[in-house]
Amino acid sequence: MYDRHVGRLVAQGVLRDAEAVPLGYLGLLDPDAAGTPVGRMSQGQRRRLDLALALSGRPTLVLLDEPTNHLSAPLVDELTAAVRGTGAAVVVATHDRQLLRDLADWPHLRLDGTGRDGTAG
């Protein structure tokens, strides 16, 4: 599924062939899961496949809403490293305490419209 999706992006001119990233390189699915039919994947595997499909087009903006749900601790660490290393703008909505600690140096926008320190911003 992933390879077909990337092939369509290349054919449509959205992505150059040289920019295509193999699914295995993303580290989101192990080789066994990558070969599993989507209908037989676990919920977590499907979420990781969804993320791989979204990232395959090299977006300039990534919106992540509770991205650590259904991810193992090592994958959360990899996700954190990936969002820190991307050239895309990243917006993360999360309650995950570890992810919040890992991204503590990022700008924060609280839902009540105040900044990290509680003052209007």
Protein backbone atom coordinates (compact mmCIF):
# COMPACT_ATOMS: atom_id res chain seq x y z
CA MET A 1 0.00 0.00 0.00
CA TYR A 2 2.75 2.45 0.97
CA ASP A 3 4.77 1.83 -2.21
CA ARG A 4 1.67 2.32 -4.38
CA HIS A 5 0.90 5.57 -2.56
CA VAL A 6 4.44 6.89 -3.05
CA GLY A 7 4.32 5.79 -6.71
CA ARG A 8 1.15 7.86 -7.19
CA LEU A 9 2.79 10.89 -5.58
CA VAL A 10 5.75 10.55 -7.96
CA ALA A 11 3.46 10.07 -10.98
CA GLN A 12 1.45 13.17 -10.00
CA GLY A 13 4.60 15.26 -9.64
CA VAL A 14 4.00 15.87 -5.93
CA LEU A 15 7.22 14.06 -5.05
CA ARG A 16 10.40 13.49 -7.02
CA ASP A 17 11.54 9.88 -7.22
CA ALA A 18 14.80 10.83 -5.49
CA GLU A 19 12.81 12.24 -2.53
CA ALA A 20 10.86 9.03 -1.92
CA VAL A 21 11.60 7.44 1.43
CA PRO A 22 11.20 3.66 1.74
CA LEU A 23 8.73 2.55 4.41
CA GLY A 24 11.44 0.64 6.28
CA TYR A 25 13.55 3.78 6.60
CA LEU A 26 10.79 5.53 8.57
CA GLY A 27 11.02 2.94 11.35
CA LEU A 28 7.28 2.99 11.91
CA LEU A 29 6.55 -0.63 11.02
CA ASP A 30 8.74 -3.68 11.46
CA PRO A 31 9.23 -5.88 8.36
CA ASP A 32 6.55 -8.36 9.46
CA ALA A 33 3.96 -5.62 10.00
CA ALA A 34 4.89 -3.95 6.71
CA GLY A 35 3.99 -7.18 4.90
CA THR A 36 0.69 -7.64 6.76
CA PRO A 37 -2.56 -6.87 4.90
CA VAL A 38 -4.05 -3.66 6.33
CA GLY A 39 -7.22 -5.47 7.43
CA ARG A 40 -5.16 -7.77 9.64
CA MET A 41 -2.99 -5.03 11.20
CA SER A 42 -3.44 -4.02 14.82
CA GLN A 43 -4.87 -0.59 15.62
CA GLY A 44 -1.38 0.70 16.45
CA GLN A 45 0.07 -0.67 13.20
CA ARG A 46 -2.70 1.04 11.23
CA ARG A 47 -1.98 4.34 12.97
CA ARG A 48 1.72 4.02 12.17
CA LEU A 49 0.86 3.21 8.54
CA ASP A 50 -1.41 6.28 8.42
CA LEU A 51 1.48 8.39 9.71
CA ALA A 52 3.87 6.89 7.14
CA LEU A 53 1.40 7.65 4.33
CA ALA A 54 1.00 11.23 5.55
CA LEU A 55 4.76 11.76 5.80
CA SER A 56 5.54 10.16 2.44
CA GLY A 57 4.69 13.36 0.58
CA ARG A 58 7.19 15.39 2.61
CA PRO A 59 4.64 17.87 3.99
CA THR A 60 5.61 21.38 5.02
CA LEU A 61 3.12 21.33 7.89
CA VAL A 62 2.39 18.41 10.21
CA LEU A 63 -0.52 18.48 12.67
CA LEU A 64 -0.30 15.77 15.32
CA ASP A 65 -3.30 15.22 17.61
CA GLU A 66 -2.36 12.86 20.44
CA PRO A 67 0.32 11.24 18.28
CA THR A 68 1.59 8.91 20.97
CA ASN A 69 -1.66 6.96 21.37
CA HIS A 70 -1.05 3.32 20.40
CA LEU A 71 2.73 3.82 20.15
CA SER A 72 5.32 1.93 22.15
CA ALA A 73 7.82 3.88 24.27
CA PRO A 74 10.66 3.40 21.74
CA LEU A 75 8.41 4.68 18.92
CA VAL A 76 7.50 7.74 21.01
CA ASP A 77 11.22 8.47 21.32
CA GLU A 78 11.64 8.05 17.57
CA LEU A 79 8.63 10.29 16.88
CA THR A 80 10.10 12.95 19.15
CA ALA A 81 13.43 12.81 17.33
CA ALA A 82 11.66 12.92 13.97
CA VAL A 83 9.55 15.99 14.76
CA ARG A 84 12.61 17.75 16.15
CA GLY A 85 14.57 16.95 13.00
CA THR A 86 12.01 17.79 10.34
CA GLY A 87 12.07 20.95 8.28
CA ALA A 88 8.27 21.05 8.42
CA ALA A 89 6.30 23.20 10.81
CA VAL A 90 4.89 20.89 13.48
CA VAL A 91 1.87 21.44 15.72
CA VAL A 92 1.44 18.87 18.49
CA ALA A 93 -1.67 18.49 20.67
CA THR A 94 -0.94 16.03 23.46
CA HIS A 95 -1.51 15.10 27.07
CA ASP A 96 1.43 12.68 27.02
CA ARG A 97 3.64 13.79 29.90
CA GLN A 98 6.83 12.38 28.42
CA LEU A 99 6.24 14.06 25.05
CA LEU A 100 5.44 17.33 26.85
CA ARG A 101 8.73 17.07 28.76
CA ASP A 102 10.62 16.16 25.58
CA LEU A 103 9.21 19.20 23.76
CA ALA A 104 9.26 21.56 26.75
CA ASP A 105 11.53 24.01 24.91
CA TRP A 106 8.98 24.42 22.08
CA PRO A 107 6.55 27.35 22.07
CA HIS A 108 3.27 26.51 23.83
CA LEU A 109 -0.26 27.75 23.18
CA ARG A 110 -2.73 26.86 25.87
CA LEU A 111 -6.35 26.35 24.90
CA ASP A 112 -7.44 29.24 27.12
CA GLY A 113 -5.38 31.58 24.88
CA THR A 114 -2.58 32.22 27.33
CA GLY A 115 1.07 31.34 26.91
CA ARG A 116 3.11 28.82 28.86
CA ASP A 117 3.36 31.13 31.87
CA GLY A 118 -0.43 31.81 31.93
CA THR A 119 -0.23 35.39 30.65
CA ALA A 120 -2.05 36.63 27.57
CA GLY A 121 0.14 36.36 24.57
